[in-house]
Amino acid sequence: MKKYVGSLIGVDQGNEEVFSDFASGGEMWTGHGARERRLPVTFSEPFRAVPAVQVALSLWDMDQGANVRADIAADKVTERGFELVFRTWSDTRVARVRMNWIAIGEVASDDDWELY
């Protein structure tokens, strides 16, 4: 659990298209090749420390001919950003994916003192 005492809390959020392979015949849609996609996200301003990040699917367009398999995550989270990660496996075919994210953490204040 993260605890914040006497500081400003910042909330940043976004909705990002991770990929769209349907029209181009990309690897996620054909089911051959890379079964993971990563999208770098930069926060609108840096947090003071690594924030808590939550991700969710806002659009998933899957082929109905196989089981729907998906693993989503926020990876490599820093004060400045993180990577959205979408993974699938086996015979699942994915046309496109969009993901929402929200980051919550301590942010700097104009009243902060930096002595050194």
N, C-alpha and C. Protein backbone atom coordinates (compact mmCIF):
# COMPACT_ATOMS: atom_id res chain seq x y z
N MET A 1 0.84 -1.18 0.00
CA MET A 1 0.00 0.00 0.00
C MET A 1 0.88 1.24 0.00
N LYS A 2 0.52 2.18 -0.85
CA LYS A 2 1.22 3.46 -0.85
C LYS A 2 0.46 4.42 0.04
N LYS A 3 1.20 5.16 0.87
CA LYS A 3 0.58 6.15 1.75
C LYS A 3 1.20 7.50 1.44
N TYR A 4 0.35 8.52 1.32
CA TYR A 4 0.80 9.86 1.01
C TYR A 4 0.44 10.77 2.18
N VAL A 5 1.45 11.49 2.68
CA VAL A 5 1.22 12.36 3.82
C VAL A 5 1.59 13.78 3.42
N GLY A 6 0.62 14.68 3.55
CA GLY A 6 0.89 16.10 3.33
C GLY A 6 1.45 16.42 1.96
N SER A 7 0.99 15.77 0.94
CA SER A 7 1.51 16.06 -0.40
C SER A 7 0.35 16.18 -1.39
N LEU A 8 0.68 16.67 -2.55
CA LEU A 8 -0.31 16.76 -3.62
C LEU A 8 -0.41 15.42 -4.33
N ILE A 9 -1.62 15.02 -4.62
CA ILE A 9 -1.85 13.78 -5.35
C ILE A 9 -2.24 14.15 -6.77
N GLY A 10 -1.55 13.55 -7.73
CA GLY A 10 -1.85 13.78 -9.14
C GLY A 10 -2.51 12.56 -9.74
N VAL A 11 -3.43 12.81 -10.65
CA VAL A 11 -4.10 11.74 -11.39
C VAL A 11 -3.94 12.06 -12.87
N ASP A 12 -3.33 11.15 -13.61
CA ASP A 12 -3.17 11.29 -15.05
C ASP A 12 -3.88 10.11 -15.69
N GLN A 13 -4.43 10.29 -16.87
CA GLN A 13 -5.15 9.18 -17.50
C GLN A 13 -5.12 9.32 -19.01
N GLY A 14 -5.41 8.22 -19.69
CA GLY A 14 -5.42 8.25 -21.14
C GLY A 14 -6.13 7.04 -21.72
N ASN A 15 -6.31 7.09 -23.03
CA ASN A 15 -6.93 6.01 -23.79
C ASN A 15 -6.10 5.86 -25.06
N GLU A 16 -5.40 4.76 -25.21
CA GLU A 16 -4.42 4.61 -26.28
C GLU A 16 -4.75 3.42 -27.18
N GLU A 17 -4.64 3.62 -28.48
CA GLU A 17 -4.72 2.48 -29.40
C GLU A 17 -3.38 1.77 -29.36
N VAL A 18 -3.39 0.52 -28.94
CA VAL A 18 -2.14 -0.24 -28.83
C VAL A 18 -1.75 -0.77 -30.20
N PHE A 19 -2.69 -1.28 -30.97
CA PHE A 19 -2.44 -1.69 -32.34
C PHE A 19 -3.75 -1.89 -33.08
N SER A 20 -3.65 -1.90 -34.42
CA SER A 20 -4.77 -2.22 -35.29
C SER A 20 -4.21 -3.02 -36.46
N ASP A 21 -4.32 -4.34 -36.40
CA ASP A 21 -3.72 -5.23 -37.39
C ASP A 21 -4.71 -5.74 -38.43
N PHE A 22 -5.98 -5.46 -38.26
CA PHE A 22 -7.01 -6.01 -39.15
C PHE A 22 -6.82 -5.56 -40.60
N ALA A 23 -6.75 -4.26 -40.82
CA ALA A 23 -6.68 -3.73 -42.19
C ALA A 23 -5.36 -4.05 -42.87
N SER A 24 -4.28 -4.12 -42.10
CA SER A 24 -2.95 -4.32 -42.69
C SER A 24 -2.52 -5.78 -42.74
N GLY A 25 -3.33 -6.69 -42.19
CA GLY A 25 -2.93 -8.10 -42.17
C GLY A 25 -1.74 -8.35 -41.26
N GLY A 26 -1.67 -7.59 -40.16
CA GLY A 26 -0.55 -7.70 -39.23
C GLY A 26 -0.53 -9.01 -38.45
N GLU A 27 0.53 -9.20 -37.69
CA GLU A 27 0.80 -10.46 -36.99
C GLU A 27 -0.27 -10.86 -35.99
N MET A 28 -0.81 -9.91 -35.27
CA MET A 28 -1.85 -10.27 -34.28
C MET A 28 -3.10 -10.79 -34.98
N TRP A 29 -3.41 -10.25 -36.15
CA TRP A 29 -4.60 -10.68 -36.87
C TRP A 29 -4.38 -12.02 -37.59
N THR A 30 -3.21 -12.21 -38.17
CA THR A 30 -2.94 -13.47 -38.88
C THR A 30 -2.67 -14.61 -37.92
N GLY A 31 -2.25 -14.28 -36.68
CA GLY A 31 -1.94 -15.31 -35.70
C GLY A 31 -0.54 -15.88 -35.84
N HIS A 32 0.28 -15.26 -36.68
CA HIS A 32 1.66 -15.72 -36.89
C HIS A 32 2.61 -14.57 -36.57
N GLY A 33 3.61 -14.85 -35.76
CA GLY A 33 4.58 -13.82 -35.42
C GLY A 33 4.46 -13.41 -33.96
N ALA A 34 4.85 -12.18 -33.69
CA ALA A 34 4.88 -11.67 -32.32
C ALA A 34 3.48 -11.71 -31.70
N ARG A 35 3.38 -12.20 -30.49
CA ARG A 35 2.10 -12.32 -29.79
C ARG A 35 2.04 -11.36 -28.62
N GLU A 36 2.90 -10.35 -28.65
CA GLU A 36 2.93 -9.32 -27.61
C GLU A 36 3.15 -7.97 -28.27
N ARG A 37 2.44 -6.97 -27.78
CA ARG A 37 2.65 -5.59 -28.22
C ARG A 37 2.85 -4.71 -27.00
N ARG A 38 3.75 -3.75 -27.14
CA ARG A 38 4.05 -2.78 -26.09
C ARG A 38 3.93 -1.38 -26.68
N LEU A 39 3.35 -0.50 -25.89
CA LEU A 39 3.20 0.89 -26.32
C LEU A 39 3.71 1.79 -25.20
N PRO A 40 4.75 2.59 -25.46
CA PRO A 40 5.23 3.51 -24.43
C PRO A 40 4.24 4.65 -24.20
N VAL A 41 4.05 5.00 -22.94
CA VAL A 41 3.17 6.10 -22.54
C VAL A 41 4.00 7.06 -21.68
N THR A 42 3.90 8.34 -21.98
CA THR A 42 4.58 9.37 -21.19
C THR A 42 3.52 10.17 -20.44
N PHE A 43 3.71 10.33 -19.13
CA PHE A 43 2.77 11.12 -18.33
C PHE A 43 2.83 12.58 -18.75
N SER A 44 1.75 13.32 -18.50
CA SER A 44 1.70 14.72 -18.88
C SER A 44 2.71 15.56 -18.08
N GLU A 45 3.06 15.10 -16.89
CA GLU A 45 4.16 15.66 -16.12
C GLU A 45 4.67 14.57 -15.19
N PRO A 46 5.95 14.64 -14.79
CA PRO A 46 6.50 13.57 -13.95
C PRO A 46 5.88 13.55 -12.55
N PHE A 47 5.77 12.36 -11.99
CA PHE A 47 5.39 12.19 -10.59
C PHE A 47 6.65 12.31 -9.75
N ARG A 48 6.51 12.52 -8.44
CA ARG A 48 7.67 12.60 -7.54
C ARG A 48 8.27 11.23 -7.29
N ALA A 49 7.43 10.20 -7.33
CA ALA A 49 7.86 8.81 -7.15
C ALA A 49 7.03 7.96 -8.11
N VAL A 50 7.37 6.71 -8.20
CA VAL A 50 6.65 5.81 -9.11
C VAL A 50 5.18 5.74 -8.69
N PRO A 51 4.26 6.09 -9.59
CA PRO A 51 2.83 6.08 -9.25
C PRO A 51 2.23 4.68 -9.35
N ALA A 52 1.02 4.53 -8.84
CA ALA A 52 0.24 3.32 -9.07
C ALA A 52 -0.44 3.49 -10.43
N VAL A 53 -0.36 2.46 -11.27
CA VAL A 53 -0.95 2.52 -12.61
C VAL A 53 -1.91 1.35 -12.78
N GLN A 54 -3.10 1.65 -13.26
CA GLN A 54 -4.12 0.64 -13.54
C GLN A 54 -4.45 0.71 -15.02
N VAL A 55 -4.55 -0.46 -15.67
CA VAL A 55 -4.91 -0.50 -17.09
C VAL A 55 -6.15 -1.36 -17.29
N ALA A 56 -6.87 -1.07 -18.38
CA ALA A 56 -8.07 -1.84 -18.72
C ALA A 56 -8.28 -1.79 -20.23
N LEU A 57 -8.91 -2.81 -20.76
CA LEU A 57 -9.27 -2.81 -22.17
C LEU A 57 -10.45 -1.88 -22.39
N SER A 58 -10.35 -0.99 -23.36
CA SER A 58 -11.49 -0.15 -23.73
C SER A 58 -12.06 -0.58 -25.08
N LEU A 59 -11.26 -1.31 -25.86
CA LEU A 59 -11.72 -1.90 -27.12
C LEU A 59 -10.91 -3.15 -27.37
N TRP A 60 -11.58 -4.24 -27.64
CA TRP A 60 -10.89 -5.44 -28.13
C TRP A 60 -11.74 -6.05 -29.22
N ASP A 61 -11.14 -6.22 -30.35
CA ASP A 61 -11.79 -6.73 -31.54
C ASP A 61 -11.12 -8.06 -31.85
N MET A 62 -11.80 -9.15 -31.51
CA MET A 62 -11.22 -10.49 -31.62
C MET A 62 -11.98 -11.33 -32.64
N ASP A 63 -11.28 -12.26 -33.25
CA ASP A 63 -11.91 -13.22 -34.15
C ASP A 63 -12.71 -14.21 -33.31
N GLN A 64 -13.90 -14.55 -33.76
CA GLN A 64 -14.78 -15.45 -33.01
C GLN A 64 -14.46 -16.93 -33.27
N GLY A 65 -13.51 -17.23 -34.15
CA GLY A 65 -13.24 -18.61 -34.51
C GLY A 65 -12.32 -19.36 -33.54
N ALA A 66 -11.84 -18.70 -32.51
CA ALA A 66 -10.95 -19.35 -31.53
C ALA A 66 -11.26 -18.79 -30.15
N ASN A 67 -10.67 -19.39 -29.13
CA ASN A 67 -10.83 -18.86 -27.78
C ASN A 67 -10.23 -17.47 -27.68
N VAL A 68 -10.86 -16.63 -26.88
CA VAL A 68 -10.36 -15.28 -26.63
C VAL A 68 -9.39 -15.35 -25.47
N ARG A 69 -8.14 -15.00 -25.75
CA ARG A 69 -7.09 -15.05 -24.73
C ARG A 69 -6.38 -13.70 -24.70
N ALA A 70 -6.27 -13.11 -23.53
CA ALA A 70 -5.60 -11.82 -23.43
C ALA A 70 -5.02 -11.64 -22.04
N ASP A 71 -3.85 -11.03 -22.00
CA ASP A 71 -3.20 -10.65 -20.77
C ASP A 71 -2.76 -9.20 -20.96
N ILE A 72 -3.18 -8.31 -20.06
CA ILE A 72 -2.82 -6.91 -20.17
C ILE A 72 -2.09 -6.48 -18.91
N ALA A 73 -1.20 -5.50 -19.06
CA ALA A 73 -0.41 -5.05 -17.91
C ALA A 73 0.18 -3.67 -18.16
N ALA A 74 0.59 -3.03 -17.07
CA ALA A 74 1.45 -1.85 -17.11
C ALA A 74 2.83 -2.35 -16.69
N ASP A 75 3.85 -2.09 -17.49
CA ASP A 75 5.18 -2.60 -17.22
C ASP A 75 6.18 -1.45 -17.26
N LYS A 76 7.30 -1.64 -16.60
CA LYS A 76 8.39 -0.65 -16.59
C LYS A 76 7.89 0.73 -16.16
N VAL A 77 7.12 0.78 -15.08
CA VAL A 77 6.55 2.04 -14.59
C VAL A 77 7.65 2.87 -13.92
N THR A 78 7.76 4.12 -14.33
CA THR A 78 8.69 5.08 -13.72
C THR A 78 7.92 6.35 -13.38
N GLU A 79 8.62 7.33 -12.86
CA GLU A 79 8.01 8.62 -12.56
C GLU A 79 7.55 9.34 -13.83
N ARG A 80 8.11 8.99 -14.96
CA ARG A 80 7.84 9.69 -16.22
C ARG A 80 6.89 8.96 -17.16
N GLY A 81 6.70 7.65 -16.97
CA GLY A 81 5.82 6.92 -17.87
C GLY A 81 5.89 5.42 -17.63
N PHE A 82 5.38 4.66 -18.60
CA PHE A 82 5.33 3.21 -18.48
C PHE A 82 5.06 2.61 -19.85
N GLU A 83 4.97 1.30 -19.94
CA GLU A 83 4.61 0.61 -21.17
C GLU A 83 3.28 -0.12 -20.98
N LEU A 84 2.33 0.13 -21.89
CA LEU A 84 1.12 -0.68 -21.96
C LEU A 84 1.50 -1.99 -22.64
N VAL A 85 1.05 -3.11 -22.07
CA VAL A 85 1.41 -4.42 -22.64
C VAL A 85 0.13 -5.21 -22.91
N PHE A 86 0.04 -5.75 -24.12
CA PHE A 86 -1.03 -6.67 -24.48
C PHE A 86 -0.38 -7.95 -25.00
N ARG A 87 -0.81 -9.09 -24.45
CA ARG A 87 -0.30 -10.39 -24.89
C ARG A 87 -1.46 -11.32 -25.20
N THR A 88 -1.25 -12.18 -26.18
CA THR A 88 -2.17 -13.27 -26.45
C THR A 88 -1.34 -14.49 -26.83
N TRP A 89 -1.98 -15.63 -27.03
CA TRP A 89 -1.24 -16.86 -27.33
C TRP A 89 -2.15 -17.83 -28.08
N SER A 90 -1.52 -18.92 -28.49
CA SER A 90 -2.18 -20.01 -29.20
C SER A 90 -2.80 -19.50 -30.50
N ASP A 91 -4.04 -19.89 -30.81
CA ASP A 91 -4.65 -19.55 -32.10
C ASP A 91 -5.54 -18.30 -32.05
N THR A 92 -5.50 -17.55 -30.97
CA THR A 92 -6.31 -16.34 -30.86
C THR A 92 -5.85 -15.32 -31.90
N ARG A 93 -6.82 -14.72 -32.58
CA ARG A 93 -6.55 -13.69 -33.58
C ARG A 93 -7.18 -12.39 -33.10
N VAL A 94 -6.36 -11.33 -33.09
CA VAL A 94 -6.79 -10.04 -32.57
C VAL A 94 -6.69 -8.99 -33.67
N ALA A 95 -7.81 -8.35 -33.96
CA ALA A 95 -7.83 -7.31 -34.99
C ALA A 95 -7.25 -5.99 -34.47
N ARG A 96 -7.72 -5.57 -33.27
CA ARG A 96 -7.24 -4.31 -32.70
C ARG A 96 -7.54 -4.25 -31.22
N VAL A 97 -6.75 -3.42 -30.55
CA VAL A 97 -6.87 -3.25 -29.10
C VAL A 97 -6.64 -1.79 -28.74
N ARG A 98 -7.50 -1.28 -27.87
CA ARG A 98 -7.32 0.04 -27.27
C ARG A 98 -7.40 -0.16 -25.76
N MET A 99 -6.56 0.57 -25.02
CA MET A 99 -6.52 0.42 -23.57
C MET A 99 -6.62 1.77 -22.88
N ASN A 100 -7.40 1.79 -21.78
CA ASN A 100 -7.46 2.93 -20.87
C ASN A 100 -6.40 2.74 -19.80
N TRP A 101 -5.91 3.84 -19.25
CA TRP A 101 -4.99 3.76 -18.12
C TRP A 101 -5.22 4.96 -17.19
N ILE A 102 -4.87 4.74 -15.94
CA ILE A 102 -4.92 5.80 -14.94
C ILE A 102 -3.72 5.64 -14.02
N ALA A 103 -3.07 6.75 -13.74
CA ALA A 103 -1.91 6.76 -12.84
C ALA A 103 -2.20 7.71 -11.69
N ILE A 104 -1.91 7.27 -10.48
CA ILE A 104 -2.17 8.06 -9.28
C ILE A 104 -0.92 8.07 -8.43
N GLY A 105 -0.47 9.25 -8.05
CA GLY A 105 0.73 9.34 -7.23
C GLY A 105 1.01 10.76 -6.78
N GLU A 106 2.08 10.88 -6.03
CA GLU A 106 2.49 12.17 -5.49
C GLU A 106 3.13 13.03 -6.57
N VAL A 107 2.74 14.31 -6.61
CA VAL A 107 3.31 15.25 -7.58
C VAL A 107 3.92 16.44 -6.85
N ALA A 108 4.79 17.15 -7.54
CA ALA A 108 5.47 18.30 -6.97
C ALA A 108 4.49 19.48 -6.86
N SER A 109 4.77 20.35 -5.91
CA SER A 109 3.97 21.55 -5.70
C SER A 109 4.85 22.77 -5.96
N ASP A 110 4.25 23.87 -6.35
CA ASP A 110 5.00 25.11 -6.51
C ASP A 110 5.57 25.59 -5.19
N ASP A 111 5.01 25.12 -4.09
CA ASP A 111 5.47 25.53 -2.76
C ASP A 111 6.57 24.62 -2.19
N ASP A 112 6.97 23.58 -2.92
CA ASP A 112 8.03 22.68 -2.46
C ASP A 112 9.35 23.42 -2.35
N TRP A 113 10.12 23.04 -1.35
CA TRP A 113 11.45 23.60 -1.17
C TRP A 113 12.47 22.57 -1.60
N GLU A 114 13.44 23.02 -2.36
CA GLU A 114 14.58 22.17 -2.72
C GLU A 114 15.82 22.86 -2.22
N LEU A 115 16.37 22.35 -1.10
CA LEU A 115 17.52 23.00 -0.49
C LEU A 115 18.83 22.61 -1.17
N TYR A 116 18.92 21.40 -1.67
CA TYR A 116 20.19 20.96 -2.25
C TYR A 116 19.97 20.33 -3.58
